Amino acid sequence: MDKKEFRVLIKYCFLKGKNKVEAQTWLDVEFPDTAPENQPSKIGYAKFKRGEISTDDSERSECPKKVFTDENINKIHKMILNDRKLKLN
């Protein structure tokens, strides 16, 4: 099973009124070979308690991607040639 399916099962446990330990025990019994360890804590019952009932992945901020292209290198090279005191951070 994938993460999404386990989130749905954990949401089911939450809506049935089970706590994290009961949900983990139920997952271990029903899906012994595939149930990930400590999954309710990772996904977070707190998320469901806050009212975030969606089982989709939440968006995460990512580091900006670094792009090294000939065009960017040439632009920086020209900037440095025009102003040799220019500092690049």
N, C-alpha and C. Protein backbone atom coordinates (compact mmCIF):
# COMPACT_ATOMS: atom_id res chain seq x y z
N MET A 1 0.83 -1.19 0.00
CA MET A 1 0.00 0.00 0.00
C MET A 1 0.87 1.24 0.00
N ASP A 2 0.33 2.28 -0.57
CA ASP A 2 1.09 3.53 -0.58
C ASP A 2 0.62 4.44 0.56
N LYS A 3 1.32 5.57 0.71
CA LYS A 3 1.03 6.50 1.81
C LYS A 3 -0.41 7.00 1.78
N LYS A 4 -0.89 7.30 0.60
CA LYS A 4 -2.25 7.85 0.45
C LYS A 4 -3.28 6.88 1.02
N GLU A 5 -3.12 5.59 0.71
CA GLU A 5 -4.08 4.59 1.20
C GLU A 5 -4.03 4.49 2.72
N PHE A 6 -2.82 4.56 3.30
CA PHE A 6 -2.71 4.51 4.75
C PHE A 6 -3.30 5.76 5.39
N ARG A 7 -3.16 6.91 4.74
CA ARG A 7 -3.78 8.13 5.27
C ARG A 7 -5.29 7.97 5.34
N VAL A 8 -5.86 7.34 4.33
CA VAL A 8 -7.31 7.12 4.32
C VAL A 8 -7.70 6.19 5.46
N LEU A 9 -6.91 5.13 5.69
CA LEU A 9 -7.20 4.21 6.80
C LEU A 9 -7.06 4.90 8.15
N ILE A 10 -6.06 5.75 8.28
CA ILE A 10 -5.85 6.48 9.53
C ILE A 10 -6.99 7.47 9.74
N LYS A 11 -7.43 8.10 8.68
CA LYS A 11 -8.58 9.01 8.78
C LYS A 11 -9.82 8.23 9.22
N TYR A 12 -9.98 7.03 8.70
CA TYR A 12 -11.09 6.17 9.10
C TYR A 12 -11.04 5.90 10.60
N CYS A 13 -9.85 5.55 11.10
CA CYS A 13 -9.68 5.30 12.54
C CYS A 13 -10.01 6.55 13.34
N PHE A 14 -9.55 7.69 12.87
CA PHE A 14 -9.81 8.95 13.56
C PHE A 14 -11.31 9.22 13.65
N LEU A 15 -12.00 9.04 12.53
CA LEU A 15 -13.43 9.30 12.50
C LEU A 15 -14.22 8.29 13.35
N LYS A 16 -13.66 7.10 13.54
CA LYS A 16 -14.29 6.10 14.41
C LYS A 16 -14.02 6.37 15.88
N GLY A 17 -13.16 7.36 16.17
CA GLY A 17 -12.89 7.73 17.56
C GLY A 17 -11.71 7.02 18.19
N LYS A 18 -10.91 6.34 17.37
CA LYS A 18 -9.73 5.66 17.92
C LYS A 18 -8.62 6.67 18.17
N ASN A 19 -7.80 6.40 19.19
CA ASN A 19 -6.63 7.25 19.42
C ASN A 19 -5.46 6.72 18.59
N LYS A 20 -4.30 7.38 18.69
CA LYS A 20 -3.15 6.99 17.86
C LYS A 20 -2.71 5.56 18.13
N VAL A 21 -2.68 5.17 19.40
CA VAL A 21 -2.22 3.82 19.76
C VAL A 21 -3.20 2.78 19.23
N GLU A 22 -4.48 3.03 19.38
CA GLU A 22 -5.48 2.09 18.87
C GLU A 22 -5.41 1.99 17.35
N ALA A 23 -5.19 3.11 16.69
CA ALA A 23 -5.08 3.10 15.22
C ALA A 23 -3.86 2.30 14.79
N GLN A 24 -2.73 2.50 15.47
CA GLN A 24 -1.52 1.77 15.11
C GLN A 24 -1.70 0.28 15.35
N THR A 25 -2.33 -0.08 16.46
CA THR A 25 -2.58 -1.49 16.75
C THR A 25 -3.47 -2.10 15.68
N TRP A 26 -4.52 -1.38 15.30
CA TRP A 26 -5.43 -1.88 14.28
C TRP A 26 -4.70 -2.07 12.95
N LEU A 27 -3.88 -1.09 12.56
CA LEU A 27 -3.12 -1.21 11.31
C LEU A 27 -2.16 -2.40 11.36
N ASP A 28 -1.51 -2.60 12.50
CA ASP A 28 -0.57 -3.72 12.64
C ASP A 28 -1.28 -5.06 12.52
N VAL A 29 -2.49 -5.15 13.06
CA VAL A 29 -3.25 -6.41 13.01
C VAL A 29 -3.80 -6.65 11.60
N GLU A 30 -4.39 -5.62 11.02
CA GLU A 30 -5.04 -5.78 9.71
C GLU A 30 -4.05 -5.85 8.55
N PHE A 31 -2.94 -5.15 8.67
CA PHE A 31 -1.95 -5.09 7.58
C PHE A 31 -0.56 -5.34 8.15
N PRO A 32 -0.30 -6.56 8.64
CA PRO A 32 0.97 -6.82 9.35
C PRO A 32 2.21 -6.68 8.47
N ASP A 33 2.11 -6.98 7.20
CA ASP A 33 3.29 -6.93 6.33
C ASP A 33 3.53 -5.56 5.72
N THR A 34 2.50 -4.75 5.66
CA THR A 34 2.64 -3.48 4.95
C THR A 34 2.46 -2.24 5.81
N ALA A 35 1.96 -2.40 7.03
CA ALA A 35 1.71 -1.22 7.87
C ALA A 35 3.02 -0.59 8.30
N PRO A 36 3.24 0.67 7.96
CA PRO A 36 4.46 1.34 8.38
C PRO A 36 4.44 1.61 9.88
N GLU A 37 5.63 1.60 10.47
CA GLU A 37 5.73 1.85 11.91
C GLU A 37 5.36 3.29 12.23
N ASN A 38 4.60 3.46 13.28
CA ASN A 38 4.30 4.78 13.83
C ASN A 38 3.65 5.71 12.81
N GLN A 39 2.92 5.17 11.87
CA GLN A 39 2.32 5.98 10.82
C GLN A 39 1.33 7.03 11.34
N PRO A 40 0.45 6.70 12.30
CA PRO A 40 -0.47 7.76 12.76
C PRO A 40 0.24 8.98 13.31
N SER A 41 1.37 8.77 13.96
CA SER A 41 2.11 9.92 14.50
C SER A 41 2.75 10.73 13.40
N LYS A 42 3.26 10.04 12.37
CA LYS A 42 3.91 10.75 11.27
C LYS A 42 2.90 11.60 10.51
N ILE A 43 1.77 11.01 10.20
CA ILE A 43 0.76 11.76 9.47
C ILE A 43 0.12 12.77 10.40
N GLY A 44 -0.04 12.39 11.62
CA GLY A 44 -0.47 13.34 12.64
C GLY A 44 -1.96 13.37 12.88
N TYR A 45 -2.33 12.77 13.98
CA TYR A 45 -3.71 12.92 14.41
C TYR A 45 -4.01 14.38 14.69
N ALA A 46 -2.99 15.14 15.07
CA ALA A 46 -3.19 16.56 15.35
C ALA A 46 -3.73 17.27 14.12
N LYS A 47 -3.27 16.85 12.95
CA LYS A 47 -3.75 17.45 11.70
C LYS A 47 -5.26 17.25 11.57
N PHE A 48 -5.71 16.04 11.87
CA PHE A 48 -7.14 15.76 11.78
C PHE A 48 -7.90 16.51 12.88
N LYS A 49 -7.31 16.61 14.07
CA LYS A 49 -7.96 17.32 15.17
C LYS A 49 -8.12 18.81 14.85
N ARG A 50 -7.18 19.36 14.09
CA ARG A 50 -7.27 20.77 13.70
C ARG A 50 -8.32 21.00 12.63
N GLY A 51 -8.86 19.91 12.11
CA GLY A 51 -9.89 20.05 11.09
C GLY A 51 -9.37 19.88 9.68
N GLU A 52 -8.09 19.59 9.54
CA GLU A 52 -7.52 19.35 8.21
C GLU A 52 -7.79 17.90 7.86
N ILE A 53 -8.90 17.65 7.23
CA ILE A 53 -9.35 16.29 6.99
C ILE A 53 -8.82 15.73 5.66
N SER A 54 -8.18 16.53 4.86
CA SER A 54 -7.66 16.07 3.57
C SER A 54 -6.58 15.01 3.79
N THR A 55 -6.60 13.99 2.95
CA THR A 55 -5.57 12.95 3.02
C THR A 55 -4.50 13.16 1.96
N ASP A 56 -4.56 14.28 1.25
CA ASP A 56 -3.55 14.58 0.24
C ASP A 56 -2.29 15.11 0.90
N ASP A 57 -1.18 15.03 0.19
CA ASP A 57 0.07 15.62 0.68
C ASP A 57 -0.09 17.12 0.72
N SER A 58 0.41 17.73 1.77
CA SER A 58 0.38 19.18 1.83
C SER A 58 1.56 19.74 1.04
N GLU A 59 1.39 20.96 0.54
CA GLU A 59 2.46 21.57 -0.23
C GLU A 59 3.61 21.94 0.69
N ARG A 60 4.80 21.81 0.19
CA ARG A 60 5.98 22.14 0.96
C ARG A 60 6.79 23.17 0.20
N SER A 61 7.39 24.05 0.96
CA SER A 61 8.27 25.01 0.29
C SER A 61 9.58 24.29 -0.02
N GLU A 62 10.07 24.51 -1.18
CA GLU A 62 11.31 23.87 -1.60
C GLU A 62 12.40 24.91 -1.74
N CYS A 63 13.61 24.45 -1.66
CA CYS A 63 14.73 25.34 -1.91
C CYS A 63 14.68 25.75 -3.37
N PRO A 64 15.05 26.98 -3.65
CA PRO A 64 15.07 27.37 -5.05
C PRO A 64 16.07 26.52 -5.83
N LYS A 65 15.70 26.18 -7.01
CA LYS A 65 16.59 25.37 -7.83
C LYS A 65 17.69 26.24 -8.40
N LYS A 66 18.88 25.72 -8.37
CA LYS A 66 20.02 26.45 -8.92
C LYS A 66 20.13 26.10 -10.40
N VAL A 67 20.29 27.13 -11.18
CA VAL A 67 20.36 26.92 -12.62
C VAL A 67 21.67 27.50 -13.13
N PHE A 68 22.47 26.65 -13.69
CA PHE A 68 23.73 27.08 -14.29
C PHE A 68 23.59 26.90 -15.80
N THR A 69 23.39 28.01 -16.49
CA THR A 69 23.32 27.96 -17.94
C THR A 69 24.37 28.91 -18.50
N ASP A 70 24.70 28.71 -19.74
CA ASP A 70 25.67 29.59 -20.38
C ASP A 70 25.19 31.04 -20.36
N GLU A 71 23.89 31.21 -20.54
CA GLU A 71 23.33 32.56 -20.54
C GLU A 71 23.53 33.24 -19.18
N ASN A 72 23.24 32.52 -18.09
CA ASN A 72 23.43 33.09 -16.75
C ASN A 72 24.90 33.36 -16.45
N ILE A 73 25.75 32.46 -16.86
CA ILE A 73 27.19 32.63 -16.62
C ILE A 73 27.70 33.86 -17.36
N ASN A 74 27.26 34.03 -18.60
CA ASN A 74 27.68 35.20 -19.39
C ASN A 74 27.18 36.50 -18.77
N LYS A 75 25.94 36.52 -18.27
CA LYS A 75 25.41 37.72 -17.62
C LYS A 75 26.24 38.09 -16.40
N ILE A 76 26.56 37.11 -15.58
CA ILE A 76 27.34 37.38 -14.37
C ILE A 76 28.75 37.82 -14.74
N HIS A 77 29.31 37.20 -15.75
CA HIS A 77 30.65 37.58 -16.20
C HIS A 77 30.68 39.05 -16.63
N LYS A 78 29.66 39.46 -17.39
CA LYS A 78 29.58 40.86 -17.84
C LYS A 78 29.39 41.81 -16.66
N MET A 79 28.58 41.41 -15.68
CA MET A 79 28.36 42.25 -14.50
C MET A 79 29.67 42.47 -13.75
N ILE A 80 30.45 41.43 -13.63
CA ILE A 80 31.73 41.55 -12.91
C ILE A 80 32.71 42.40 -13.70
N LEU A 81 32.74 42.25 -15.01
CA LEU A 81 33.64 43.06 -15.83
C LEU A 81 33.26 44.54 -15.77
N ASN A 82 31.97 44.83 -15.68
CA ASN A 82 31.51 46.22 -15.61
C ASN A 82 31.78 46.85 -14.25
N ASP A 83 31.72 46.07 -13.20
CA ASP A 83 31.92 46.60 -11.85
C ASP A 83 32.72 45.58 -11.05
N ARG A 84 34.02 45.76 -11.00
CA ARG A 84 34.89 44.78 -10.35
C ARG A 84 34.73 44.74 -8.83
N LYS A 85 34.07 45.74 -8.25
CA LYS A 85 33.85 45.75 -6.80
C LYS A 85 32.53 45.07 -6.43
N LEU A 86 31.84 44.57 -7.42
CA LEU A 86 30.55 43.91 -7.20
C LEU A 86 30.75 42.64 -6.37
N LYS A 87 29.92 42.49 -5.34
CA LYS A 87 30.00 41.30 -4.49
C LYS A 87 28.85 40.37 -4.84
N LEU A 88 29.15 39.12 -4.95
CA LEU A 88 28.14 38.11 -5.21
C LEU A 88 27.97 37.27 -3.95
N ASN A 89 26.76 37.16 -3.50
CA ASN A 89 26.49 36.36 -2.28
C ASN A 89 25.96 35.02 -2.65
